[in-house]
Amino acid sequence: MDMYIQVFTTTGKREDAEKIARILLERRLAGCVQVVGPVSSLYWWKGRVEKAEEWLCIIKSREDLYEELEKTIRENHSYEVPEIIVMQIVSGNRSYLEWMNTELKKQ
């Protein structure tokens, strides 16, 4: 059985988020990418608390594509250390997951 995932990354500009989304979709590494924002992020960076306006990408994919998906994000991301967090989808609308699988790169 295929294992599905959601991957999260943030960018400093909407254009950057949409660029990453488009590349992932064109390479069939994502079936859907939602771009949400702006969101307010507070975080530690180099010993200081920082605040930034960011755009959140919620990427739907399959676990076997994760390594290539992460590499693609890194290659196209402007951050020195981009957030790339993955969560397994343990359950979901079977019809949605089947649709997504048809749109992803074949195994």
C-alpha atoms as a PDB file:
ATOM      1  CA  MET A   1       0.000   0.000   0.000  1.00  0.00           C
ATOM      2  CA  ASP A   2       1.267   3.460  -0.874  1.00  0.00           C
ATOM      3  CA  MET A   3       2.201   5.780   1.980  1.00  0.00           C
ATOM      4  CA  TYR A   4       1.215   9.397   1.500  1.00  0.00           C
ATOM      5  CA  ILE A   5       2.823  12.430   3.104  1.00  0.00           C
ATOM      6  CA  GLN A   6       2.383  16.146   3.626  1.00  0.00           C
ATOM      7  CA  VAL A   7       5.522  18.254   3.463  1.00  0.00           C
ATOM      8  CA  PHE A   8       5.696  21.781   4.859  1.00  0.00           C
ATOM      9  CA  THR A   9       8.089  24.530   3.844  1.00  0.00           C
ATOM     10  CA  THR A  10       8.004  28.305   4.252  1.00  0.00           C
ATOM     11  CA  THR A  11       9.357  31.069   2.044  1.00  0.00           C
ATOM     12  CA  GLY A  12       9.858  34.805   2.464  1.00  0.00           C
ATOM     13  CA  LYS A  13       7.929  35.733  -0.705  1.00  0.00           C
ATOM     14  CA  ARG A  14       4.722  34.506  -2.303  1.00  0.00           C
ATOM     15  CA  GLU A  15       6.520  34.325  -5.654  1.00  0.00           C
ATOM     16  CA  ASP A  16       9.107  31.938  -4.174  1.00  0.00           C
ATOM     17  CA  ALA A  17       6.378  29.702  -2.728  1.00  0.00           C
ATOM     18  CA  GLU A  18       4.547  29.589  -6.057  1.00  0.00           C
ATOM     19  CA  LYS A  19       7.802  28.879  -7.931  1.00  0.00           C
ATOM     20  CA  ILE A  20       8.575  25.909  -5.685  1.00  0.00           C
ATOM     21  CA  ALA A  21       4.970  24.693  -5.981  1.00  0.00           C
ATOM     22  CA  ARG A  22       5.034  24.875  -9.780  1.00  0.00           C
ATOM     23  CA  ILE A  23       8.366  23.034 -10.052  1.00  0.00           C
ATOM     24  CA  LEU A  24       7.165  20.252  -7.728  1.00  0.00           C
ATOM     25  CA  LEU A  25       3.952  19.890  -9.721  1.00  0.00           C
ATOM     26  CA  GLU A  26       5.706  19.934 -13.104  1.00  0.00           C
ATOM     27  CA  ARG A  27       8.104  17.210 -11.942  1.00  0.00           C
ATOM     28  CA  ARG A  28       5.147  15.184 -10.610  1.00  0.00           C
ATOM     29  CA  LEU A  29       6.627  15.210  -7.097  1.00  0.00           C
ATOM     30  CA  ALA A  30       3.432  16.740  -5.685  1.00  0.00           C
ATOM     31  CA  GLY A  31      -0.196  16.151  -6.509  1.00  0.00           C
ATOM     32  CA  CYS A  32      -1.271  19.395  -4.853  1.00  0.00           C
ATOM     33  CA  VAL A  33       0.471  22.329  -3.183  1.00  0.00           C
ATOM     34  CA  GLN A  34      -1.442  24.843  -1.122  1.00  0.00           C
ATOM     35  CA  VAL A  35       0.203  28.231  -0.615  1.00  0.00           C
ATOM     36  CA  VAL A  36      -1.032  29.904   2.569  1.00  0.00           C
ATOM     37  CA  GLY A  37      -0.116  33.317   3.780  1.00  0.00           C
ATOM     38  CA  PRO A  38       1.151  35.515   4.771  1.00  0.00           C
ATOM     39  CA  VAL A  39       1.784  33.915   8.148  1.00  0.00           C
ATOM     40  CA  SER A  40       3.729  35.474  10.999  1.00  0.00           C
ATOM     41  CA  SER A  41       6.709  33.356  12.079  1.00  0.00           C
ATOM     42  CA  LEU A  42       8.747  33.849  15.231  1.00  0.00           C
ATOM     43  CA  TYR A  43      11.863  31.698  15.602  1.00  0.00           C
ATOM     44  CA  TRP A  44      15.401  31.467  16.932  1.00  0.00           C
ATOM     45  CA  TRP A  45      18.111  32.330  14.368  1.00  0.00           C
ATOM     46  CA  LYS A  46      21.790  32.763  15.197  1.00  0.00           C
ATOM     47  CA  GLY A  47      21.158  33.427  18.888  1.00  0.00           C
ATOM     48  CA  ARG A  48      18.285  35.886  18.470  1.00  0.00           C
ATOM     49  CA  VAL A  49      14.523  35.695  18.267  1.00  0.00           C
ATOM     50  CA  GLU A  50      13.465  36.810  14.803  1.00  0.00           C
ATOM     51  CA  LYS A  51      10.073  37.656  13.318  1.00  0.00           C
ATOM     52  CA  ALA A  52       9.213  37.311   9.651  1.00  0.00           C
ATOM     53  CA  GLU A  53       6.263  37.330   7.311  1.00  0.00           C
ATOM     54  CA  GLU A  54       6.301  34.060   5.400  1.00  0.00           C
ATOM     55  CA  TRP A  55       4.303  31.949   2.972  1.00  0.00           C
ATOM     56  CA  LEU A  56       3.553  28.341   3.909  1.00  0.00           C
ATOM     57  CA  CYS A  57       3.543  25.576   1.303  1.00  0.00           C
ATOM     58  CA  ILE A  58       1.544  22.462   2.196  1.00  0.00           C
ATOM     59  CA  ILE A  59       2.695  19.799  -0.248  1.00  0.00           C
ATOM     60  CA  LYS A  60       0.832  16.512  -0.803  1.00  0.00           C
ATOM     61  CA  SER A  61       2.953  13.646  -2.078  1.00  0.00           C
ATOM     62  CA  ARG A  62       3.971  10.019  -1.660  1.00  0.00           C
ATOM     63  CA  GLU A  63       6.659   8.782   0.715  1.00  0.00           C
ATOM     64  CA  ASP A  64       8.818   7.186  -2.001  1.00  0.00           C
ATOM     65  CA  LEU A  65       9.151  10.616  -3.687  1.00  0.00           C
ATOM     66  CA  TYR A  66      10.307  12.428  -0.551  1.00  0.00           C
ATOM     67  CA  GLU A  67      14.064  12.339  -1.169  1.00  0.00           C
ATOM     68  CA  GLU A  68      13.715  13.887  -4.638  1.00  0.00           C
ATOM     69  CA  LEU A  69      11.082  16.322  -3.368  1.00  0.00           C
ATOM     70  CA  GLU A  70      13.377  17.547  -0.575  1.00  0.00           C
ATOM     71  CA  LYS A  71      16.311  17.892  -2.991  1.00  0.00           C
ATOM     72  CA  THR A  72      14.141  19.936  -5.357  1.00  0.00           C
ATOM     73  CA  ILE A  73      12.999  22.264  -2.560  1.00  0.00           C
ATOM     74  CA  ARG A  74      16.604  22.788  -1.418  1.00  0.00           C
ATOM     75  CA  GLU A  75      17.764  23.560  -4.968  1.00  0.00           C
ATOM     76  CA  ASN A  76      15.041  26.175  -5.443  1.00  0.00           C
ATOM     77  CA  HIS A  77      14.817  27.727  -1.985  1.00  0.00           C
ATOM     78  CA  SER A  78      16.381  31.055  -1.024  1.00  0.00           C
ATOM     79  CA  TYR A  79      16.820  30.274   2.698  1.00  0.00           C
ATOM     80  CA  GLU A  80      20.156  29.131   4.099  1.00  0.00           C
ATOM     81  CA  VAL A  81      18.328  26.506   6.181  1.00  0.00           C
ATOM     82  CA  PRO A  82      14.826  25.980   4.775  1.00  0.00           C
ATOM     83  CA  GLU A  83      12.123  24.409   6.879  1.00  0.00           C
ATOM     84  CA  ILE A  84      11.272  21.054   5.328  1.00  0.00           C
ATOM     85  CA  ILE A  85       9.044  19.013   7.618  1.00  0.00           C
ATOM     86  CA  VAL A  86       7.301  15.788   6.598  1.00  0.00           C
ATOM     87  CA  MET A  87       4.271  14.153   8.183  1.00  0.00           C
ATOM     88  CA  GLN A  88       2.759  10.824   7.210  1.00  0.00           C
ATOM     89  CA  ILE A  89      -0.879  10.761   6.221  1.00  0.00           C
ATOM     90  CA  VAL A  90      -2.254   7.858   8.237  1.00  0.00           C
ATOM     91  CA  SER A  91      -5.745   8.025   6.787  1.00  0.00           C
ATOM     92  CA  GLY A  92      -7.785  10.083   4.379  1.00  0.00           C
ATOM     93  CA  ASN A  93     -10.482  10.199   1.745  1.00  0.00           C
ATOM     94  CA  ARG A  94      -9.585   7.158  -0.388  1.00  0.00           C
ATOM     95  CA  SER A  95     -10.900   8.840  -3.564  1.00  0.00           C
ATOM     96  CA  TYR A  96      -8.697  11.902  -2.956  1.00  0.00           C
ATOM     97  CA  LEU A  97      -5.611   9.788  -2.280  1.00  0.00           C
ATOM     98  CA  GLU A  98      -6.250   7.695  -5.415  1.00  0.00           C
ATOM     99  CA  TRP A  99      -6.643  10.878  -7.495  1.00  0.00           C
ATOM    100  CA  MET A 100      -3.415  12.277  -6.060  1.00  0.00           C
ATOM    101  CA  ASN A 101      -1.554   9.061  -6.808  1.00  0.00           C
ATOM    102  CA  THR A 102      -2.580   9.241 -10.477  1.00  0.00           C
ATOM    103  CA  GLU A 103      -1.005  12.718 -10.690  1.00  0.00           C
ATOM    104  CA  LEU A 104       2.318  11.754  -9.095  1.00  0.00           C
ATOM    105  CA  LYS A 105       5.443  10.368 -10.735  1.00  0.00           C
ATOM    106  CA  LYS A 106       5.069   6.636 -11.304  1.00  0.00           C
ATOM    107  CA  GLN A 107       6.931   4.289  -8.990  1.00  0.00           C
END
